[in-house]
Amino acid sequence: MIILMRCVGPVLAAWMLCVPTMYSAEVLSQLRSLNWLLRELKRVPPNSRESRHLQSQVTALRERLPNSILSYHDRFEKRGKPSAVEVSGSGCPACHLKLPLGLVGELAMPGRFGVCPTCGVFLWKTEKEEEEPVGAVAVVTKKTARRVTRG
């Protein structure tokens, strides 16, 4: 079971106590989907068939999320910002400030996510598969290429 490791404010702490059956990975996945759907909803023409379909998906997702997480997400949505962003380096993509090393290390662990201590956005990092090299390649440098001469 994966649990939310870092909390910001009493809203998230209360959510953890009230909703023990919903895993943090589920919440993160639903928030990511909700952010994507809202971006798509802005892209399509209003009152179109696609817009109505996207709106129904947004409504269904919002019904599954706890109210405390929805209110947290809505604060970001009012400002036009996503509530969950992917971290690719050691900085927060939302506020562009450097994250604490402990949080960056925690995000590198599979299935973990955290909260930016500065702006409060949910942070996650994708699990990138390491590619195995096809063949061993010898790197020749000046030191290794130098011949040893005995006098």
C-alpha atoms as a PDB file:
ATOM      1  CA  MET A   1       0.000   0.000   0.000  1.00  0.00           C
ATOM      2  CA  ILE A   2       1.331   3.407  -0.967  1.00  0.00           C
ATOM      3  CA  ILE A   3       0.517   6.283   1.350  1.00  0.00           C
ATOM      4  CA  LEU A   4       0.880  10.008   1.009  1.00  0.00           C
ATOM      5  CA  MET A   5       4.260  10.794   2.528  1.00  0.00           C
ATOM      6  CA  ARG A   6       4.232  14.579   2.702  1.00  0.00           C
ATOM      7  CA  CYS A   7       1.229  16.715   3.601  1.00  0.00           C
ATOM      8  CA  VAL A   8       0.674  20.427   3.363  1.00  0.00           C
ATOM      9  CA  GLY A   9      -1.995  21.848   5.595  1.00  0.00           C
ATOM     10  CA  PRO A  10      -4.828  20.288   7.573  1.00  0.00           C
ATOM     11  CA  VAL A  11      -6.938  19.595   4.479  1.00  0.00           C
ATOM     12  CA  LEU A  12      -4.675  16.802   3.261  1.00  0.00           C
ATOM     13  CA  ALA A  13      -4.054  15.483   6.753  1.00  0.00           C
ATOM     14  CA  ALA A  14      -7.815  15.298   7.343  1.00  0.00           C
ATOM     15  CA  TRP A  15      -8.249  13.596   3.984  1.00  0.00           C
ATOM     16  CA  MET A  16      -5.755  10.898   4.968  1.00  0.00           C
ATOM     17  CA  LEU A  17      -7.681  10.169   8.157  1.00  0.00           C
ATOM     18  CA  CYS A  18     -11.133  10.206   6.549  1.00  0.00           C
ATOM     19  CA  VAL A  19     -10.466   8.193   3.401  1.00  0.00           C
ATOM     20  CA  PRO A  20      -8.317   5.196   4.323  1.00  0.00           C
ATOM     21  CA  THR A  21      -9.567   3.034   1.444  1.00  0.00           C
ATOM     22  CA  MET A  22      -8.440   5.310  -1.401  1.00  0.00           C
ATOM     23  CA  TYR A  23      -4.725   4.933  -2.095  1.00  0.00           C
ATOM     24  CA  SER A  24      -2.625   7.974  -2.813  1.00  0.00           C
ATOM     25  CA  ALA A  25      -1.632   6.575  -6.214  1.00  0.00           C
ATOM     26  CA  GLU A  26      -5.332   6.433  -7.135  1.00  0.00           C
ATOM     27  CA  VAL A  27      -5.847  10.042  -6.117  1.00  0.00           C
ATOM     28  CA  LEU A  28      -2.794  11.148  -8.065  1.00  0.00           C
ATOM     29  CA  SER A  29      -3.928   9.240 -11.147  1.00  0.00           C
ATOM     30  CA  GLN A  30      -7.387  10.799 -10.958  1.00  0.00           C
ATOM     31  CA  LEU A  31      -5.959  14.298 -10.453  1.00  0.00           C
ATOM     32  CA  ARG A  32      -3.693  13.818 -13.468  1.00  0.00           C
ATOM     33  CA  SER A  33      -6.698  12.689 -15.519  1.00  0.00           C
ATOM     34  CA  LEU A  34      -8.776  15.600 -14.269  1.00  0.00           C
ATOM     35  CA  ASN A  35      -6.043  18.100 -15.197  1.00  0.00           C
ATOM     36  CA  TRP A  36      -5.734  16.548 -18.664  1.00  0.00           C
ATOM     37  CA  LEU A  37      -9.505  16.575 -19.238  1.00  0.00           C
ATOM     38  CA  LEU A  38      -9.746  20.219 -18.196  1.00  0.00           C
ATOM     39  CA  ARG A  39      -6.955  21.147 -20.629  1.00  0.00           C
ATOM     40  CA  GLU A  40      -8.746  19.268 -23.403  1.00  0.00           C
ATOM     41  CA  LEU A  41     -12.036  20.944 -22.478  1.00  0.00           C
ATOM     42  CA  LYS A  42     -10.438  24.356 -23.042  1.00  0.00           C
ATOM     43  CA  ARG A  43      -9.121  23.185 -26.417  1.00  0.00           C
ATOM     44  CA  VAL A  44     -12.424  22.008 -27.932  1.00  0.00           C
ATOM     45  CA  PRO A  45     -15.251  24.334 -29.035  1.00  0.00           C
ATOM     46  CA  PRO A  46     -17.850  24.971 -26.306  1.00  0.00           C
ATOM     47  CA  ASN A  47     -21.220  23.178 -26.594  1.00  0.00           C
ATOM     48  CA  SER A  48     -19.805  20.681 -29.082  1.00  0.00           C
ATOM     49  CA  ARG A  49     -20.418  16.970 -28.816  1.00  0.00           C
ATOM     50  CA  GLU A  50     -16.805  16.407 -27.737  1.00  0.00           C
ATOM     51  CA  SER A  51     -17.115  19.150 -25.139  1.00  0.00           C
ATOM     52  CA  ARG A  52     -20.206  17.528 -23.629  1.00  0.00           C
ATOM     53  CA  HIS A  53     -18.463  14.155 -23.567  1.00  0.00           C
ATOM     54  CA  LEU A  54     -15.386  15.627 -21.835  1.00  0.00           C
ATOM     55  CA  GLN A  55     -17.607  17.454 -19.341  1.00  0.00           C
ATOM     56  CA  SER A  56     -19.358  14.202 -18.428  1.00  0.00           C
ATOM     57  CA  GLN A  57     -15.965  12.575 -17.837  1.00  0.00           C
ATOM     58  CA  VAL A  58     -14.893  15.504 -15.650  1.00  0.00           C
ATOM     59  CA  THR A  59     -18.098  15.177 -13.630  1.00  0.00           C
ATOM     60  CA  ALA A  60     -17.566  11.424 -13.166  1.00  0.00           C
ATOM     61  CA  LEU A  61     -13.982  11.962 -12.009  1.00  0.00           C
ATOM     62  CA  ARG A  62     -14.984  14.708  -9.591  1.00  0.00           C
ATOM     63  CA  GLU A  63     -17.574  12.390  -8.014  1.00  0.00           C
ATOM     64  CA  ARG A  64     -14.892   9.804  -7.227  1.00  0.00           C
ATOM     65  CA  LEU A  65     -12.494  12.229  -5.536  1.00  0.00           C
ATOM     66  CA  PRO A  66     -12.884  13.220  -1.867  1.00  0.00           C
ATOM     67  CA  ASN A  67     -14.232  16.745  -1.246  1.00  0.00           C
ATOM     68  CA  SER A  68     -11.037  17.859   0.507  1.00  0.00           C
ATOM     69  CA  ILE A  69      -8.923  16.943  -2.539  1.00  0.00           C
ATOM     70  CA  LEU A  70     -11.456  18.588  -4.874  1.00  0.00           C
ATOM     71  CA  SER A  71     -11.346  21.850  -2.959  1.00  0.00           C
ATOM     72  CA  TYR A  72      -7.537  21.677  -3.029  1.00  0.00           C
ATOM     73  CA  HIS A  73      -7.637  21.068  -6.806  1.00  0.00           C
ATOM     74  CA  ASP A  74     -10.221  23.829  -7.364  1.00  0.00           C
ATOM     75  CA  ARG A  75      -7.912  26.421  -5.787  1.00  0.00           C
ATOM     76  CA  PHE A  76      -5.312  25.658  -8.438  1.00  0.00           C
ATOM     77  CA  GLU A  77      -7.914  25.497 -11.207  1.00  0.00           C
ATOM     78  CA  LYS A  78      -9.203  28.997 -10.348  1.00  0.00           C
ATOM     79  CA  ARG A  79      -5.693  30.326 -10.987  1.00  0.00           C
ATOM     80  CA  GLY A  80      -5.421  28.344 -14.233  1.00  0.00           C
ATOM     81  CA  LYS A  81      -2.753  26.015 -12.871  1.00  0.00           C
ATOM     82  CA  PRO A  82      -2.656  22.215 -12.703  1.00  0.00           C
ATOM     83  CA  SER A  83      -2.931  20.571  -9.287  1.00  0.00           C
ATOM     84  CA  ALA A  84      -0.450  17.795 -10.155  1.00  0.00           C
ATOM     85  CA  VAL A  85       2.703  18.177 -12.246  1.00  0.00           C
ATOM     86  CA  GLU A  86       5.484  15.857 -13.345  1.00  0.00           C
ATOM     87  CA  VAL A  87       8.966  16.547 -12.014  1.00  0.00           C
ATOM     88  CA  SER A  88      11.772  16.002 -14.488  1.00  0.00           C
ATOM     89  CA  GLY A  89      14.730  17.445 -12.587  1.00  0.00           C
ATOM     90  CA  SER A  90      15.255  18.824  -9.120  1.00  0.00           C
ATOM     91  CA  GLY A  91      12.928  21.807  -9.424  1.00  0.00           C
ATOM     92  CA  CYS A  92       9.175  22.232  -9.175  1.00  0.00           C
ATOM     93  CA  PRO A  93       7.672  22.772 -12.650  1.00  0.00           C
ATOM     94  CA  ALA A  94       4.867  24.903 -11.185  1.00  0.00           C
ATOM     95  CA  CYS A  95       6.823  27.476  -9.142  1.00  0.00           C
ATOM     96  CA  HIS A  96      10.285  26.846 -10.683  1.00  0.00           C
ATOM     97  CA  LEU A  97      12.014  26.672  -7.300  1.00  0.00           C
ATOM     98  CA  LYS A  98      14.473  23.987  -6.255  1.00  0.00           C
ATOM     99  CA  LEU A  99      12.971  21.092  -4.291  1.00  0.00           C
ATOM    100  CA  PRO A 100      14.545  19.682  -1.134  1.00  0.00           C
ATOM    101  CA  LEU A 101      16.872  16.760  -1.905  1.00  0.00           C
ATOM    102  CA  GLY A 102      14.906  14.426   0.357  1.00  0.00           C
ATOM    103  CA  LEU A 103      11.734  15.076  -1.603  1.00  0.00           C
ATOM    104  CA  VAL A 104      13.520  14.589  -4.938  1.00  0.00           C
ATOM    105  CA  GLY A 105      14.877  11.276  -3.683  1.00  0.00           C
ATOM    106  CA  GLU A 106      11.463  10.234  -2.454  1.00  0.00           C
ATOM    107  CA  LEU A 107       9.887  11.070  -5.811  1.00  0.00           C
ATOM    108  CA  ALA A 108      12.454   8.854  -7.531  1.00  0.00           C
ATOM    109  CA  MET A 109      11.052   5.827  -5.714  1.00  0.00           C
ATOM    110  CA  PRO A 110       8.376   3.983  -7.750  1.00  0.00           C
ATOM    111  CA  GLY A 111       4.783   4.873  -6.899  1.00  0.00           C
ATOM    112  CA  ARG A 112       5.613   7.807  -4.635  1.00  0.00           C
ATOM    113  CA  PHE A 113       4.508  11.377  -4.940  1.00  0.00           C
ATOM    114  CA  GLY A 114       4.800  14.464  -2.806  1.00  0.00           C
ATOM    115  CA  VAL A 115       3.751  18.064  -2.413  1.00  0.00           C
ATOM    116  CA  CYS A 116       5.896  21.079  -3.270  1.00  0.00           C
ATOM    117  CA  PRO A 117       6.690  22.854   0.021  1.00  0.00           C
ATOM    118  CA  THR A 118       6.594  26.238  -1.742  1.00  0.00           C
ATOM    119  CA  CYS A 119       3.497  26.242  -3.958  1.00  0.00           C
ATOM    120  CA  GLY A 120       1.638  23.153  -2.678  1.00  0.00           C
ATOM    121  CA  VAL A 121       1.184  21.394  -6.027  1.00  0.00           C
ATOM    122  CA  PHE A 122       1.245  17.578  -6.118  1.00  0.00           C
ATOM    123  CA  LEU A 123       4.491  16.282  -7.607  1.00  0.00           C
ATOM    124  CA  TRP A 124       5.165  12.963  -9.307  1.00  0.00           C
ATOM    125  CA  LYS A 125       7.921  11.438 -11.354  1.00  0.00           C
ATOM    126  CA  THR A 126       7.477   8.847 -14.069  1.00  0.00           C
ATOM    127  CA  GLU A 127       9.304   5.587 -13.792  1.00  0.00           C
ATOM    128  CA  LYS A 128      11.670   5.539 -16.718  1.00  0.00           C
ATOM    129  CA  GLU A 129      12.911   2.181 -17.843  1.00  0.00           C
ATOM    130  CA  GLU A 130      16.670   1.887 -18.003  1.00  0.00           C
ATOM    131  CA  GLU A 131      17.827   0.788 -21.417  1.00  0.00           C
ATOM    132  CA  GLU A 132      20.465  -1.918 -21.435  1.00  0.00           C
ATOM    133  CA  PRO A 133      23.363  -1.274 -23.801  1.00  0.00           C
ATOM    134  CA  VAL A 134      23.433  -3.613 -26.775  1.00  0.00           C
ATOM    135  CA  GLY A 135      27.162  -4.241 -26.574  1.00  0.00           C
ATOM    136  CA  ALA A 136      29.988  -3.190 -24.339  1.00  0.00           C
ATOM    137  CA  VAL A 137      31.850  -0.192 -25.704  1.00  0.00           C
ATOM    138  CA  ALA A 138      35.417   0.476 -24.652  1.00  0.00           C
ATOM    139  CA  VAL A 139      36.227   4.117 -24.123  1.00  0.00           C
ATOM    140  CA  VAL A 140      39.783   4.964 -25.047  1.00  0.00           C
ATOM    141  CA  THR A 141      41.356   7.925 -23.336  1.00  0.00           C
ATOM    142  CA  LYS A 142      44.881   9.300 -23.459  1.00  0.00           C
ATOM    143  CA  LYS A 143      45.768   7.499 -20.244  1.00  0.00           C
ATOM    144  CA  THR A 144      44.594   4.099 -21.465  1.00  0.00           C
ATOM    145  CA  ALA A 145      46.052   4.550 -24.975  1.00  0.00           C
ATOM    146  CA  ARG A 146      49.560   5.426 -23.706  1.00  0.00           C
ATOM    147  CA  ARG A 147      52.156   2.746 -24.200  1.00  0.00           C
ATOM    148  CA  VAL A 148      54.408   1.740 -21.412  1.00  0.00           C
ATOM    149  CA  THR A 149      58.019   1.678 -22.480  1.00  0.00           C
ATOM    150  CA  ARG A 150      60.677  -0.013 -20.436  1.00  0.00           C
ATOM    151  CA  GLY A 151      64.150   1.312 -20.700  1.00  0.00           C
END
